[in-house]
N, C-alpha and C. Protein backbone atom coordinates (compact mmCIF):
# COMPACT_ATOMS: atom_id res chain seq x y z
N MET A 1 0.84 -1.16 0.00
CA MET A 1 0.00 0.00 0.00
C MET A 1 0.90 1.24 0.00
N THR A 2 0.47 2.26 -0.67
CA THR A 2 1.25 3.50 -0.70
C THR A 2 0.52 4.57 0.10
N ASP A 3 1.30 5.48 0.68
CA ASP A 3 0.74 6.56 1.49
C ASP A 3 1.69 7.75 1.41
N GLY A 4 1.24 8.81 0.79
CA GLY A 4 2.05 10.03 0.71
C GLY A 4 3.38 9.83 0.00
N GLY A 5 3.39 9.04 -1.06
CA GLY A 5 4.63 8.83 -1.79
C GLY A 5 5.56 7.80 -1.16
N ARG A 6 5.05 7.04 -0.20
CA ARG A 6 5.85 6.00 0.44
C ARG A 6 5.13 4.66 0.32
N GLU A 7 5.92 3.62 0.24
CA GLU A 7 5.40 2.26 0.28
C GLU A 7 5.28 1.89 1.76
N VAL A 8 4.09 1.49 2.20
CA VAL A 8 3.88 1.16 3.60
C VAL A 8 3.60 -0.33 3.72
N LEU A 9 4.48 -1.03 4.42
CA LEU A 9 4.30 -2.45 4.69
C LEU A 9 3.78 -2.59 6.12
N THR A 10 2.58 -3.12 6.27
CA THR A 10 2.03 -3.35 7.60
C THR A 10 2.46 -4.72 8.10
N TRP A 11 2.26 -4.98 9.38
CA TRP A 11 2.57 -6.30 9.92
C TRP A 11 1.74 -7.37 9.22
N GLU A 12 0.49 -7.08 8.98
CA GLU A 12 -0.38 -8.05 8.31
C GLU A 12 0.10 -8.33 6.88
N THR A 13 0.42 -7.29 6.15
CA THR A 13 0.90 -7.47 4.78
C THR A 13 2.27 -8.15 4.78
N PHE A 14 3.09 -7.87 5.79
CA PHE A 14 4.37 -8.56 5.90
C PHE A 14 4.16 -10.07 6.03
N GLY A 15 3.16 -10.48 6.80
CA GLY A 15 2.86 -11.90 6.92
C GLY A 15 2.57 -12.52 5.57
N THR A 16 1.76 -11.84 4.79
CA THR A 16 1.45 -12.32 3.43
C THR A 16 2.70 -12.30 2.56
N ALA A 17 3.45 -11.22 2.61
CA ALA A 17 4.65 -11.07 1.79
C ALA A 17 5.67 -12.17 2.09
N SER A 18 5.90 -12.44 3.37
CA SER A 18 6.91 -13.44 3.73
C SER A 18 6.48 -14.83 3.29
N ARG A 19 5.19 -15.14 3.39
CA ARG A 19 4.70 -16.45 2.94
C ARG A 19 4.78 -16.57 1.41
N GLU A 20 4.40 -15.51 0.70
CA GLU A 20 4.46 -15.55 -0.77
C GLU A 20 5.91 -15.62 -1.26
N LEU A 21 6.80 -14.89 -0.61
CA LEU A 21 8.22 -14.93 -0.97
C LEU A 21 8.77 -16.34 -0.71
N THR A 22 8.41 -16.92 0.42
CA THR A 22 8.85 -18.27 0.73
C THR A 22 8.31 -19.27 -0.29
N ARG A 23 7.07 -19.11 -0.69
CA ARG A 23 6.48 -20.00 -1.69
C ARG A 23 7.29 -19.96 -2.98
N SER A 24 7.73 -18.77 -3.40
CA SER A 24 8.51 -18.67 -4.64
C SER A 24 9.86 -19.36 -4.49
N ILE A 25 10.46 -19.29 -3.31
CA ILE A 25 11.74 -19.96 -3.07
C ILE A 25 11.55 -21.47 -3.13
N VAL A 26 10.54 -21.96 -2.41
CA VAL A 26 10.26 -23.41 -2.37
C VAL A 26 9.93 -23.92 -3.77
N ASP A 27 9.08 -23.19 -4.48
CA ASP A 27 8.67 -23.62 -5.83
C ASP A 27 9.83 -23.63 -6.82
N SER A 28 10.88 -22.87 -6.54
CA SER A 28 12.05 -22.85 -7.42
C SER A 28 12.89 -24.13 -7.28
N GLY A 29 12.65 -24.85 -6.19
CA GLY A 29 13.43 -26.06 -5.94
C GLY A 29 14.67 -25.82 -5.09
N PHE A 30 14.96 -24.56 -4.77
CA PHE A 30 16.13 -24.27 -3.93
C PHE A 30 15.84 -24.64 -2.49
N GLU A 31 16.74 -25.42 -1.88
CA GLU A 31 16.59 -25.86 -0.50
C GLU A 31 17.80 -25.42 0.31
N PRO A 32 17.72 -24.24 0.92
CA PRO A 32 18.88 -23.75 1.68
C PRO A 32 19.10 -24.58 2.95
N GLU A 33 20.37 -24.71 3.29
CA GLU A 33 20.72 -25.38 4.54
C GLU A 33 20.84 -24.36 5.68
N ILE A 34 21.18 -23.13 5.32
CA ILE A 34 21.32 -22.06 6.30
C ILE A 34 20.69 -20.79 5.73
N VAL A 35 19.90 -20.11 6.55
CA VAL A 35 19.35 -18.80 6.20
C VAL A 35 20.18 -17.76 6.93
N ILE A 36 20.70 -16.79 6.19
CA ILE A 36 21.53 -15.75 6.77
C ILE A 36 20.85 -14.41 6.61
N ALA A 37 20.61 -13.77 7.73
CA ALA A 37 19.97 -12.45 7.75
C ALA A 37 21.03 -11.37 7.66
N ILE A 38 20.76 -10.36 6.86
CA ILE A 38 21.58 -9.16 6.88
C ILE A 38 20.97 -8.25 7.94
N ALA A 39 21.70 -8.08 9.04
CA ALA A 39 21.18 -7.29 10.16
C ALA A 39 21.41 -5.81 9.90
N ARG A 40 20.42 -5.03 10.24
CA ARG A 40 19.26 -5.34 11.04
C ARG A 40 18.01 -5.59 10.21
N GLY A 41 17.89 -4.94 9.07
CA GLY A 41 16.65 -5.01 8.30
C GLY A 41 16.21 -6.39 7.88
N GLY A 42 17.16 -7.29 7.70
CA GLY A 42 16.82 -8.64 7.25
C GLY A 42 16.51 -9.62 8.36
N LEU A 43 16.66 -9.21 9.62
CA LEU A 43 16.44 -10.14 10.73
C LEU A 43 15.02 -10.71 10.76
N ILE A 44 14.04 -9.85 10.70
CA ILE A 44 12.64 -10.31 10.79
C ILE A 44 12.23 -11.08 9.54
N PRO A 45 12.51 -10.58 8.32
CA PRO A 45 12.18 -11.37 7.14
C PRO A 45 12.90 -12.74 7.12
N ALA A 46 14.16 -12.78 7.52
CA ALA A 46 14.91 -14.04 7.52
C ALA A 46 14.30 -15.03 8.49
N GLY A 47 13.92 -14.56 9.67
CA GLY A 47 13.29 -15.44 10.65
C GLY A 47 11.98 -16.00 10.14
N ALA A 48 11.18 -15.15 9.52
CA ALA A 48 9.89 -15.59 8.99
C ALA A 48 10.08 -16.63 7.88
N ILE A 49 11.04 -16.39 7.00
CA ILE A 49 11.30 -17.31 5.89
C ILE A 49 11.87 -18.63 6.41
N ALA A 50 12.80 -18.55 7.36
CA ALA A 50 13.39 -19.78 7.91
C ALA A 50 12.30 -20.63 8.57
N TYR A 51 11.42 -20.02 9.35
CA TYR A 51 10.32 -20.77 9.96
C TYR A 51 9.40 -21.36 8.90
N ALA A 52 9.06 -20.56 7.89
CA ALA A 52 8.13 -21.03 6.86
C ALA A 52 8.72 -22.18 6.04
N MET A 53 10.04 -22.23 5.92
CA MET A 53 10.69 -23.30 5.17
C MET A 53 11.10 -24.47 6.06
N GLY A 54 11.02 -24.29 7.37
CA GLY A 54 11.45 -25.34 8.28
C GLY A 54 12.97 -25.45 8.37
N VAL A 55 13.67 -24.36 8.07
CA VAL A 55 15.14 -24.34 8.16
C VAL A 55 15.52 -23.85 9.55
N LYS A 56 16.21 -24.72 10.30
CA LYS A 56 16.56 -24.37 11.68
C LYS A 56 17.90 -23.66 11.81
N ALA A 57 18.78 -23.86 10.84
CA ALA A 57 20.10 -23.23 10.90
C ALA A 57 19.99 -21.80 10.36
N ALA A 58 20.36 -20.84 11.19
CA ALA A 58 20.27 -19.44 10.79
C ALA A 58 21.48 -18.69 11.34
N GLY A 59 21.84 -17.65 10.64
CA GLY A 59 22.95 -16.80 11.09
C GLY A 59 22.69 -15.37 10.69
N THR A 60 23.58 -14.49 11.11
CA THR A 60 23.45 -13.08 10.76
C THR A 60 24.80 -12.52 10.33
N LEU A 61 24.71 -11.52 9.52
CA LEU A 61 25.88 -10.75 9.13
C LEU A 61 25.48 -9.29 9.32
N ASN A 62 26.21 -8.58 10.15
CA ASN A 62 25.88 -7.19 10.45
C ASN A 62 26.54 -6.26 9.45
N VAL A 63 25.70 -5.51 8.73
CA VAL A 63 26.21 -4.57 7.73
C VAL A 63 25.54 -3.23 7.96
N GLU A 64 26.35 -2.18 8.00
CA GLU A 64 25.81 -0.83 8.15
C GLU A 64 25.98 -0.09 6.84
N PHE A 65 24.88 0.51 6.38
CA PHE A 65 24.95 1.32 5.16
C PHE A 65 24.11 2.58 5.33
N TYR A 66 22.88 2.43 5.87
CA TYR A 66 22.04 3.60 6.08
C TYR A 66 22.39 4.25 7.40
N SER A 67 22.61 5.56 7.36
CA SER A 67 22.90 6.30 8.58
C SER A 67 21.65 7.02 9.09
N ASP A 68 20.67 7.23 8.21
CA ASP A 68 19.41 7.87 8.57
C ASP A 68 18.47 7.64 7.39
N VAL A 69 17.24 8.17 7.50
CA VAL A 69 16.28 8.03 6.42
C VAL A 69 16.86 8.62 5.14
N GLU A 70 16.96 7.78 4.13
CA GLU A 70 17.47 8.15 2.81
C GLU A 70 18.89 8.70 2.83
N GLU A 71 19.67 8.41 3.90
CA GLU A 71 21.07 8.84 3.98
C GLU A 71 21.94 7.61 4.16
N THR A 72 22.96 7.49 3.32
CA THR A 72 23.84 6.33 3.40
C THR A 72 25.28 6.74 3.68
N LEU A 73 26.04 5.75 4.15
CA LEU A 73 27.48 5.92 4.26
C LEU A 73 28.07 5.81 2.85
N PRO A 74 29.33 6.16 2.65
CA PRO A 74 29.92 6.04 1.31
C PRO A 74 29.89 4.59 0.78
N ASP A 75 30.12 3.63 1.67
CA ASP A 75 30.11 2.21 1.29
C ASP A 75 29.55 1.39 2.44
N PRO A 76 28.93 0.24 2.13
CA PRO A 76 28.48 -0.63 3.21
C PRO A 76 29.68 -1.18 3.98
N VAL A 77 29.52 -1.34 5.29
CA VAL A 77 30.60 -1.80 6.16
C VAL A 77 30.12 -3.01 6.95
N VAL A 78 30.89 -4.11 6.91
CA VAL A 78 30.57 -5.30 7.70
C VAL A 78 31.05 -5.03 9.13
N LEU A 79 30.15 -5.24 10.10
CA LEU A 79 30.44 -4.98 11.50
C LEU A 79 30.60 -6.29 12.28
N GLU A 80 31.27 -6.22 13.40
CA GLU A 80 31.36 -7.38 14.29
C GLU A 80 30.05 -7.53 15.05
N PRO A 81 29.69 -8.71 15.52
CA PRO A 81 30.45 -9.95 15.40
C PRO A 81 30.33 -10.50 13.98
N LEU A 82 31.40 -11.12 13.52
CA LEU A 82 31.43 -11.67 12.17
C LEU A 82 30.83 -13.06 12.14
N LEU A 83 30.35 -13.45 11.00
CA LEU A 83 29.78 -14.77 10.79
C LEU A 83 30.88 -15.82 10.87
N ASP A 84 30.58 -16.96 11.47
CA ASP A 84 31.53 -18.08 11.53
C ASP A 84 31.58 -18.72 10.14
N THR A 85 32.59 -18.35 9.37
CA THR A 85 32.65 -18.83 7.99
C THR A 85 32.96 -20.32 7.89
N ASP A 86 33.58 -20.89 8.90
CA ASP A 86 33.82 -22.34 8.89
C ASP A 86 32.51 -23.12 8.84
N ALA A 87 31.48 -22.58 9.44
CA ALA A 87 30.18 -23.27 9.51
C ALA A 87 29.42 -23.25 8.20
N ILE A 88 29.83 -22.41 7.25
CA ILE A 88 29.07 -22.30 5.99
C ILE A 88 29.76 -22.95 4.80
N VAL A 89 30.97 -23.44 4.98
CA VAL A 89 31.72 -24.02 3.87
C VAL A 89 30.92 -25.18 3.26
N GLY A 90 30.70 -25.07 1.94
CA GLY A 90 30.01 -26.13 1.21
C GLY A 90 28.51 -26.20 1.42
N LYS A 91 27.93 -25.24 2.12
CA LYS A 91 26.49 -25.25 2.40
C LYS A 91 25.73 -24.41 1.38
N ARG A 92 24.43 -24.74 1.21
CA ARG A 92 23.53 -23.93 0.40
C ARG A 92 22.99 -22.81 1.29
N LEU A 93 23.25 -21.57 0.89
CA LEU A 93 22.90 -20.41 1.72
C LEU A 93 21.81 -19.57 1.06
N LEU A 94 20.90 -19.09 1.90
CA LEU A 94 19.92 -18.10 1.47
C LEU A 94 20.16 -16.85 2.29
N VAL A 95 20.55 -15.77 1.61
CA VAL A 95 20.79 -14.48 2.25
C VAL A 95 19.50 -13.67 2.14
N VAL A 96 19.05 -13.12 3.28
CA VAL A 96 17.78 -12.40 3.30
C VAL A 96 17.99 -10.98 3.83
N ASP A 97 17.38 -10.02 3.14
CA ASP A 97 17.36 -8.64 3.60
C ASP A 97 15.97 -8.09 3.36
N ASP A 98 15.69 -6.92 3.91
CA ASP A 98 14.37 -6.33 3.73
C ASP A 98 14.22 -5.72 2.34
N VAL A 99 15.29 -5.06 1.85
CA VAL A 99 15.19 -4.38 0.56
C VAL A 99 16.55 -4.37 -0.15
N ALA A 100 16.53 -4.53 -1.46
CA ALA A 100 17.70 -4.27 -2.28
C ALA A 100 17.47 -2.89 -2.87
N ASP A 101 17.98 -1.87 -2.19
CA ASP A 101 17.78 -0.48 -2.61
C ASP A 101 18.83 -0.13 -3.66
N SER A 102 20.01 0.24 -3.23
CA SER A 102 21.10 0.40 -4.21
C SER A 102 21.60 -0.99 -4.61
N GLY A 103 21.40 -1.95 -3.72
CA GLY A 103 21.87 -3.31 -3.94
C GLY A 103 23.30 -3.52 -3.49
N ARG A 104 23.95 -2.47 -3.03
CA ARG A 104 25.37 -2.57 -2.66
C ARG A 104 25.59 -3.46 -1.44
N THR A 105 24.71 -3.38 -0.46
CA THR A 105 24.85 -4.23 0.72
C THR A 105 24.66 -5.69 0.35
N LEU A 106 23.60 -5.98 -0.38
CA LEU A 106 23.32 -7.35 -0.79
C LEU A 106 24.45 -7.91 -1.65
N ALA A 107 24.93 -7.13 -2.59
CA ALA A 107 26.04 -7.57 -3.45
C ALA A 107 27.29 -7.87 -2.63
N LEU A 108 27.60 -7.00 -1.66
CA LEU A 108 28.76 -7.19 -0.80
C LEU A 108 28.65 -8.52 -0.04
N VAL A 109 27.50 -8.79 0.55
CA VAL A 109 27.30 -9.99 1.35
C VAL A 109 27.34 -11.24 0.47
N VAL A 110 26.66 -11.22 -0.66
CA VAL A 110 26.65 -12.38 -1.56
C VAL A 110 28.07 -12.70 -2.02
N GLU A 111 28.83 -11.69 -2.42
CA GLU A 111 30.21 -11.93 -2.87
C GLU A 111 31.09 -12.43 -1.73
N LEU A 112 30.90 -11.90 -0.54
CA LEU A 112 31.66 -12.35 0.62
C LEU A 112 31.39 -13.83 0.90
N LEU A 113 30.13 -14.23 0.85
CA LEU A 113 29.76 -15.62 1.15
C LEU A 113 30.17 -16.58 0.05
N LYS A 114 30.18 -16.12 -1.20
CA LYS A 114 30.58 -16.98 -2.32
C LYS A 114 32.05 -17.40 -2.21
N LYS A 115 32.82 -16.72 -1.39
CA LYS A 115 34.21 -17.12 -1.17
C LYS A 115 34.30 -18.40 -0.33
N HIS A 116 33.18 -18.76 0.31
CA HIS A 116 33.19 -19.89 1.24
C HIS A 116 32.31 -21.06 0.81
N THR A 117 31.46 -20.83 -0.17
CA THR A 117 30.57 -21.88 -0.65
C THR A 117 30.12 -21.55 -2.07
N ASP A 118 29.67 -22.55 -2.79
CA ASP A 118 29.30 -22.35 -4.19
C ASP A 118 27.87 -21.89 -4.40
N GLU A 119 26.97 -22.23 -3.48
CA GLU A 119 25.57 -21.96 -3.72
C GLU A 119 25.02 -20.93 -2.74
N VAL A 120 24.90 -19.70 -3.23
CA VAL A 120 24.36 -18.59 -2.45
C VAL A 120 23.24 -17.96 -3.26
N LYS A 121 22.06 -17.90 -2.68
CA LYS A 121 20.93 -17.21 -3.32
C LYS A 121 20.46 -16.13 -2.37
N SER A 122 19.77 -15.13 -2.93
CA SER A 122 19.32 -13.99 -2.12
C SER A 122 17.82 -13.78 -2.25
N ALA A 123 17.24 -13.28 -1.16
CA ALA A 123 15.80 -12.99 -1.14
C ALA A 123 15.58 -11.69 -0.39
N VAL A 124 14.69 -10.86 -0.92
CA VAL A 124 14.32 -9.60 -0.28
C VAL A 124 12.80 -9.41 -0.39
N ILE A 125 12.28 -8.61 0.49
CA ILE A 125 10.86 -8.26 0.39
C ILE A 125 10.67 -7.32 -0.80
N TYR A 126 11.50 -6.28 -0.88
CA TYR A 126 11.38 -5.30 -1.96
C TYR A 126 12.69 -5.16 -2.73
N THR A 127 12.56 -4.91 -4.02
CA THR A 127 13.69 -4.55 -4.88
C THR A 127 13.40 -3.19 -5.49
N LYS A 128 14.40 -2.34 -5.48
CA LYS A 128 14.29 -1.04 -6.14
C LYS A 128 14.84 -1.18 -7.56
N PRO A 129 14.29 -0.43 -8.52
CA PRO A 129 14.74 -0.54 -9.91
C PRO A 129 16.22 -0.24 -10.09
N GLN A 130 16.81 0.59 -9.23
CA GLN A 130 18.21 0.99 -9.39
C GLN A 130 19.19 0.02 -8.75
N SER A 131 18.72 -1.06 -8.15
CA SER A 131 19.61 -2.01 -7.48
C SER A 131 20.65 -2.56 -8.46
N ILE A 132 21.91 -2.62 -8.00
CA ILE A 132 22.98 -3.12 -8.86
C ILE A 132 22.98 -4.65 -8.91
N ILE A 133 22.19 -5.29 -8.07
CA ILE A 133 22.09 -6.74 -8.06
C ILE A 133 20.61 -7.11 -8.17
N ALA A 134 20.33 -8.11 -8.95
CA ALA A 134 18.95 -8.62 -9.03
C ALA A 134 18.86 -9.78 -8.05
N PRO A 135 18.13 -9.62 -6.94
CA PRO A 135 18.00 -10.73 -6.00
C PRO A 135 17.37 -11.93 -6.71
N ASP A 136 17.72 -13.11 -6.24
CA ASP A 136 17.15 -14.33 -6.82
C ASP A 136 15.64 -14.39 -6.57
N PHE A 137 15.23 -13.87 -5.43
CA PHE A 137 13.81 -13.88 -5.07
C PHE A 137 13.43 -12.53 -4.47
N SER A 138 12.31 -11.99 -4.92
CA SER A 138 11.83 -10.70 -4.42
C SER A 138 10.31 -10.72 -4.44
N TRP A 139 9.71 -10.16 -3.40
CA TRP A 139 8.25 -10.14 -3.32
C TRP A 139 7.67 -9.06 -4.23
N ARG A 140 8.21 -7.85 -4.17
CA ARG A 140 7.70 -6.72 -4.95
C ARG A 140 8.82 -5.79 -5.37
N GLU A 141 8.54 -4.99 -6.40
CA GLU A 141 9.45 -3.93 -6.80
C GLU A 141 8.77 -2.60 -6.53
N THR A 142 9.54 -1.64 -6.08
CA THR A 142 9.02 -0.29 -5.85
C THR A 142 10.16 0.71 -6.02
N ASP A 143 9.81 1.92 -6.40
CA ASP A 143 10.82 2.98 -6.44
C ASP A 143 10.58 3.98 -5.30
N LEU A 144 9.64 3.67 -4.42
CA LEU A 144 9.32 4.54 -3.30
C LEU A 144 10.15 4.20 -2.06
N TRP A 145 10.26 5.17 -1.13
CA TRP A 145 10.84 4.89 0.17
C TRP A 145 9.86 3.97 0.90
N ILE A 146 10.38 2.98 1.63
CA ILE A 146 9.53 1.97 2.26
C ILE A 146 9.48 2.17 3.76
N ASN A 147 8.27 2.20 4.30
CA ASN A 147 8.08 2.19 5.74
C ASN A 147 7.84 0.75 6.17
N PHE A 148 8.83 0.14 6.83
CA PHE A 148 8.68 -1.21 7.35
C PHE A 148 8.08 -1.14 8.75
N PRO A 149 7.25 -2.11 9.13
CA PRO A 149 6.59 -2.03 10.43
C PRO A 149 7.57 -2.09 11.60
N TRP A 150 8.74 -2.69 11.41
CA TRP A 150 9.70 -2.82 12.50
C TRP A 150 10.63 -1.62 12.64
N SER A 151 10.58 -0.69 11.69
CA SER A 151 11.52 0.44 11.78
C SER A 151 10.87 1.81 11.55
N SER A 152 9.55 1.86 11.51
CA SER A 152 8.89 3.12 11.20
C SER A 152 8.60 4.00 12.41
N LEU A 153 8.46 3.36 13.56
CA LEU A 153 8.16 4.13 14.77
C LEU A 153 9.45 4.66 15.39
N PRO A 154 9.36 5.74 16.19
CA PRO A 154 10.57 6.28 16.83
C PRO A 154 11.20 5.27 17.79
N VAL A 155 12.49 5.41 17.99
CA VAL A 155 13.22 4.59 18.96
C VAL A 155 12.66 4.87 20.34
N ILE A 156 12.53 3.82 21.13
CA ILE A 156 12.03 3.97 22.51
C ILE A 156 13.19 4.40 23.40
N THR A 157 13.01 5.49 24.11
CA THR A 157 14.06 6.01 24.99
C THR A 157 13.53 6.04 26.43
N PRO A 158 14.42 6.13 27.40
CA PRO A 158 13.97 6.19 28.80
C PRO A 158 13.06 7.40 29.04
N THR A 159 12.10 7.21 29.90
CA THR A 159 11.20 8.34 30.22
C THR A 159 11.58 9.00 31.51
């Protein structure tokens, strides 16, 4: 749904989106052994997809790129703690993020993981037309700024 020039994903629509995205992955025949979330935006979608596929092995890779709404750092940066790369050698990996906007974060992670295993596929809820990488699986394409239900409200601070 759009609102004031923004794509708005509600919790209810996210439930539908994650199930439909998972269906496309399953129907493709790809069976990941490990689901890897790009933190933070990919944590919730990755968890939903891993549960929907029955994949119990999950990991995270922390990458910082957005510094504020529509503001990015010059390049995506992988942050600690780092993923245990010994655990992924030779495994089928599904990398999940919320959006492939510029695609630079997703491309960085996919290339990093391909150094340790041959089969890496990617899934996102949204893909932007300008993304430098075409995710293997995407629920929707949009050119609007996206309000995700997990990041749209203000940060909770002490009262």
